[in-house]
N, C-alpha and C. Protein backbone atom coordinates (compact mmCIF):
# COMPACT_ATOMS: atom_id res chain seq x y z
N UNK A 1 -0.06 6.41 22.00
CA UNK A 1 0.31 5.20 22.43
C UNK A 1 -0.62 4.04 21.81
N UNK A 2 -1.95 4.21 21.91
CA UNK A 2 -2.83 3.58 21.42
C UNK A 2 -2.82 3.21 19.86
N UNK A 3 -2.20 4.16 19.16
CA UNK A 3 -2.25 4.20 17.75
C UNK A 3 -1.23 2.94 17.44
N UNK A 4 -0.14 2.94 18.09
CA UNK A 4 0.79 1.94 17.69
C UNK A 4 0.88 0.43 18.52
N UNK A 5 -0.08 0.49 19.56
CA UNK A 5 -0.19 -0.77 20.49
C UNK A 5 -0.53 -1.87 19.54
N UNK A 6 -1.68 -1.89 18.70
CA UNK A 6 -1.98 -3.11 18.00
C UNK A 6 -0.88 -3.46 16.93
N UNK A 7 -0.16 -2.48 16.50
CA UNK A 7 0.87 -2.94 15.45
C UNK A 7 2.02 -3.59 16.22
N UNK A 8 2.32 -3.17 17.57
CA UNK A 8 3.37 -3.58 18.35
C UNK A 8 3.23 -5.16 18.54
N UNK A 9 1.65 -5.35 18.89
CA UNK A 9 1.35 -6.75 19.30
C UNK A 9 1.63 -7.81 18.09
N UNK A 10 1.54 -7.31 16.83
CA UNK A 10 1.77 -8.22 15.67
C UNK A 10 3.25 -8.14 15.52
N UNK A 11 3.86 -7.09 15.80
CA UNK A 11 5.48 -7.09 15.35
C UNK A 11 6.22 -8.00 16.40
N UNK A 12 5.55 -8.11 17.83
CA UNK A 12 6.42 -8.72 18.74
C UNK A 12 6.74 -10.10 18.36
N UNK A 13 5.62 -10.90 17.62
CA UNK A 13 5.93 -12.23 17.44
C UNK A 13 7.03 -12.30 16.28
N UNK A 14 6.98 -11.45 15.37
CA UNK A 14 8.11 -11.39 14.29
C UNK A 14 9.51 -11.27 14.95
N UNK A 15 9.67 -10.12 15.82
CA UNK A 15 10.71 -9.85 16.48
C UNK A 15 11.37 -10.97 17.33
N UNK A 16 10.52 -11.69 17.99
CA UNK A 16 11.04 -12.82 18.72
C UNK A 16 11.59 -14.00 17.91
N UNK A 17 11.13 -14.07 16.69
CA UNK A 17 11.59 -15.09 15.85
C UNK A 17 12.96 -14.73 15.48
N UNK A 18 13.45 -13.53 15.39
CA UNK A 18 14.73 -13.16 14.95
C UNK A 18 15.62 -12.97 16.27
N UNK A 19 15.27 -13.26 17.46
CA UNK A 19 16.01 -13.40 18.73
C UNK A 19 15.77 -12.15 19.49
N UNK A 20 14.84 -11.40 19.43
CA UNK A 20 14.60 -10.27 20.24
C UNK A 20 13.69 -10.63 21.52
N UNK A 21 13.34 -11.83 21.81
CA UNK A 21 12.65 -11.96 23.01
C UNK A 21 11.11 -12.08 22.57
N UNK A 22 10.28 -12.20 23.72
CA UNK A 22 8.92 -12.06 23.75
C UNK A 22 8.21 -13.46 23.28
N UNK A 23 7.01 -13.22 22.75
CA UNK A 23 6.30 -14.35 22.39
C UNK A 23 6.80 -15.14 21.25
N UNK A 24 7.41 -14.48 20.36
CA UNK A 24 8.18 -15.00 19.17
C UNK A 24 9.22 -15.92 19.49
N UNK A 25 9.83 -15.54 20.53
CA UNK A 25 11.06 -16.42 21.05
C UNK A 25 10.58 -17.70 21.67
N UNK A 26 9.43 -17.68 22.33
CA UNK A 26 8.61 -18.91 22.76
C UNK A 26 8.37 -19.79 21.43
N UNK A 27 7.96 -19.24 20.49
CA UNK A 27 7.65 -19.96 19.35
C UNK A 27 8.93 -20.43 18.50
N UNK A 28 9.87 -19.60 18.59
CA UNK A 28 11.21 -20.11 17.89
C UNK A 28 11.71 -21.34 18.61
N UNK A 29 11.57 -21.18 20.07
CA UNK A 29 12.16 -22.26 20.79
C UNK A 29 11.39 -23.79 20.46
N UNK A 30 10.21 -23.53 20.56
CA UNK A 30 9.21 -24.75 20.33
C UNK A 30 9.43 -25.15 18.95
N UNK A 31 9.61 -24.48 17.97
CA UNK A 31 9.82 -24.90 16.67
C UNK A 31 11.32 -25.56 16.58
N UNK A 32 12.16 -24.91 17.20
CA UNK A 32 13.51 -25.87 17.21
C UNK A 32 13.57 -27.09 17.92
N UNK A 33 12.74 -27.40 18.97
CA UNK A 33 12.62 -28.58 19.71
C UNK A 33 11.56 -29.44 19.20
N UNK A 34 10.85 -29.02 18.23
CA UNK A 34 10.00 -29.88 17.49
C UNK A 34 8.84 -30.09 18.55
N UNK A 35 8.37 -29.34 19.33
CA UNK A 35 7.34 -29.44 20.26
C UNK A 35 6.10 -28.92 19.56
N UNK A 36 5.44 -29.74 18.83
CA UNK A 36 4.31 -29.23 17.85
C UNK A 36 3.04 -28.80 18.73
N UNK A 37 2.86 -29.59 19.83
CA UNK A 37 1.63 -29.04 20.60
C UNK A 37 2.00 -27.65 21.21
N UNK A 38 3.10 -27.35 21.64
CA UNK A 38 3.49 -25.94 22.15
C UNK A 38 3.42 -24.89 21.03
N UNK A 39 3.95 -25.44 19.76
CA UNK A 39 3.98 -24.39 18.74
C UNK A 39 2.54 -24.04 18.34
N UNK A 40 1.51 -25.09 18.28
CA UNK A 40 0.29 -24.86 18.14
C UNK A 40 -0.54 -23.97 19.36
N UNK A 41 -0.15 -24.14 20.45
CA UNK A 41 -0.52 -23.30 21.64
C UNK A 41 -0.11 -21.91 21.30
N UNK A 42 1.19 -21.69 21.16
CA UNK A 42 1.74 -20.32 21.03
C UNK A 42 1.15 -19.60 19.85
N UNK A 43 1.00 -20.31 18.66
CA UNK A 43 0.32 -19.66 17.59
C UNK A 43 -0.96 -19.33 17.69
N UNK A 44 -1.84 -20.10 18.40
CA UNK A 44 -3.18 -19.85 18.74
C UNK A 44 -3.26 -18.63 19.70
N UNK A 45 -2.34 -18.60 20.81
CA UNK A 45 -2.29 -17.38 21.74
C UNK A 45 -1.94 -16.16 20.87
N UNK A 46 -1.10 -16.17 19.98
CA UNK A 46 -0.88 -15.08 19.21
C UNK A 46 -1.96 -14.63 18.19
N UNK A 47 -2.58 -15.53 17.66
CA UNK A 47 -3.76 -15.42 16.78
C UNK A 47 -4.95 -14.70 17.66
N UNK A 48 -5.12 -15.23 18.84
CA UNK A 48 -6.21 -14.77 19.57
C UNK A 48 -5.92 -13.25 20.04
N UNK A 49 -4.74 -13.00 20.47
CA UNK A 49 -4.26 -11.60 20.89
C UNK A 49 -4.38 -10.59 19.79
N UNK A 50 -3.94 -11.04 18.66
CA UNK A 50 -3.93 -10.15 17.39
C UNK A 50 -5.39 -9.79 17.01
N UNK A 51 -6.09 -11.01 16.96
CA UNK A 51 -7.58 -10.85 16.63
C UNK A 51 -8.29 -9.75 17.61
N UNK A 52 -8.23 -9.94 19.00
CA UNK A 52 -8.75 -9.08 20.03
C UNK A 52 -8.45 -7.77 19.88
N UNK A 53 -7.11 -7.60 19.53
CA UNK A 53 -6.53 -5.99 19.52
C UNK A 53 -7.22 -5.38 18.25
N UNK A 54 -7.44 -6.27 17.04
CA UNK A 54 -8.02 -5.77 15.83
C UNK A 54 -9.37 -5.39 16.04
N UNK A 55 -10.16 -6.09 17.04
CA UNK A 55 -11.46 -5.68 17.39
C UNK A 55 -11.79 -4.64 18.35
N UNK A 56 -10.83 -4.78 19.38
CA UNK A 56 -11.08 -3.79 20.48
C UNK A 56 -10.49 -2.50 20.15
N UNK A 57 -9.29 -2.33 19.59
CA UNK A 57 -8.61 -0.85 19.58
C UNK A 57 -9.32 -0.04 18.69
N UNK A 58 -9.71 -0.37 17.61
CA UNK A 58 -10.56 0.51 16.73
C UNK A 58 -11.75 1.27 17.45
N UNK A 59 -12.47 0.42 18.22
CA UNK A 59 -13.47 0.98 18.89
C UNK A 59 -13.02 1.86 20.03
N UNK A 60 -11.86 1.66 20.74
CA UNK A 60 -11.20 2.67 21.67
C UNK A 60 -11.00 3.95 21.10
N UNK A 61 -10.33 3.80 19.77
CA UNK A 61 -9.90 4.93 18.99
C UNK A 61 -11.12 5.86 18.69
N UNK A 62 -12.10 5.26 18.26
CA UNK A 62 -13.37 5.98 17.79
C UNK A 62 -13.82 6.81 19.10
N UNK A 63 -13.78 6.21 20.23
CA UNK A 63 -14.40 6.89 21.36
C UNK A 63 -13.44 8.12 21.85
N UNK A 64 -12.17 7.83 21.56
CA UNK A 64 -11.08 8.80 21.98
C UNK A 64 -11.14 10.00 21.02
N UNK A 65 -11.25 9.77 19.86
CA UNK A 65 -11.18 10.90 18.95
C UNK A 65 -12.63 11.56 18.85
């Protein structure tokens, strides 16, 4: 489960942009409505979550293996 979790976090944004829901859907909606402050907030949230998973998950993997 943990081996795919960090990948799933990144892919969720892309899937939402093509209509599958999730954080990408919020980004797509904000882009379509020209809500640039919301676009920036959603992008920042995606960036923070992806960076956090890239930092935390490898450490957890090392401890598990």
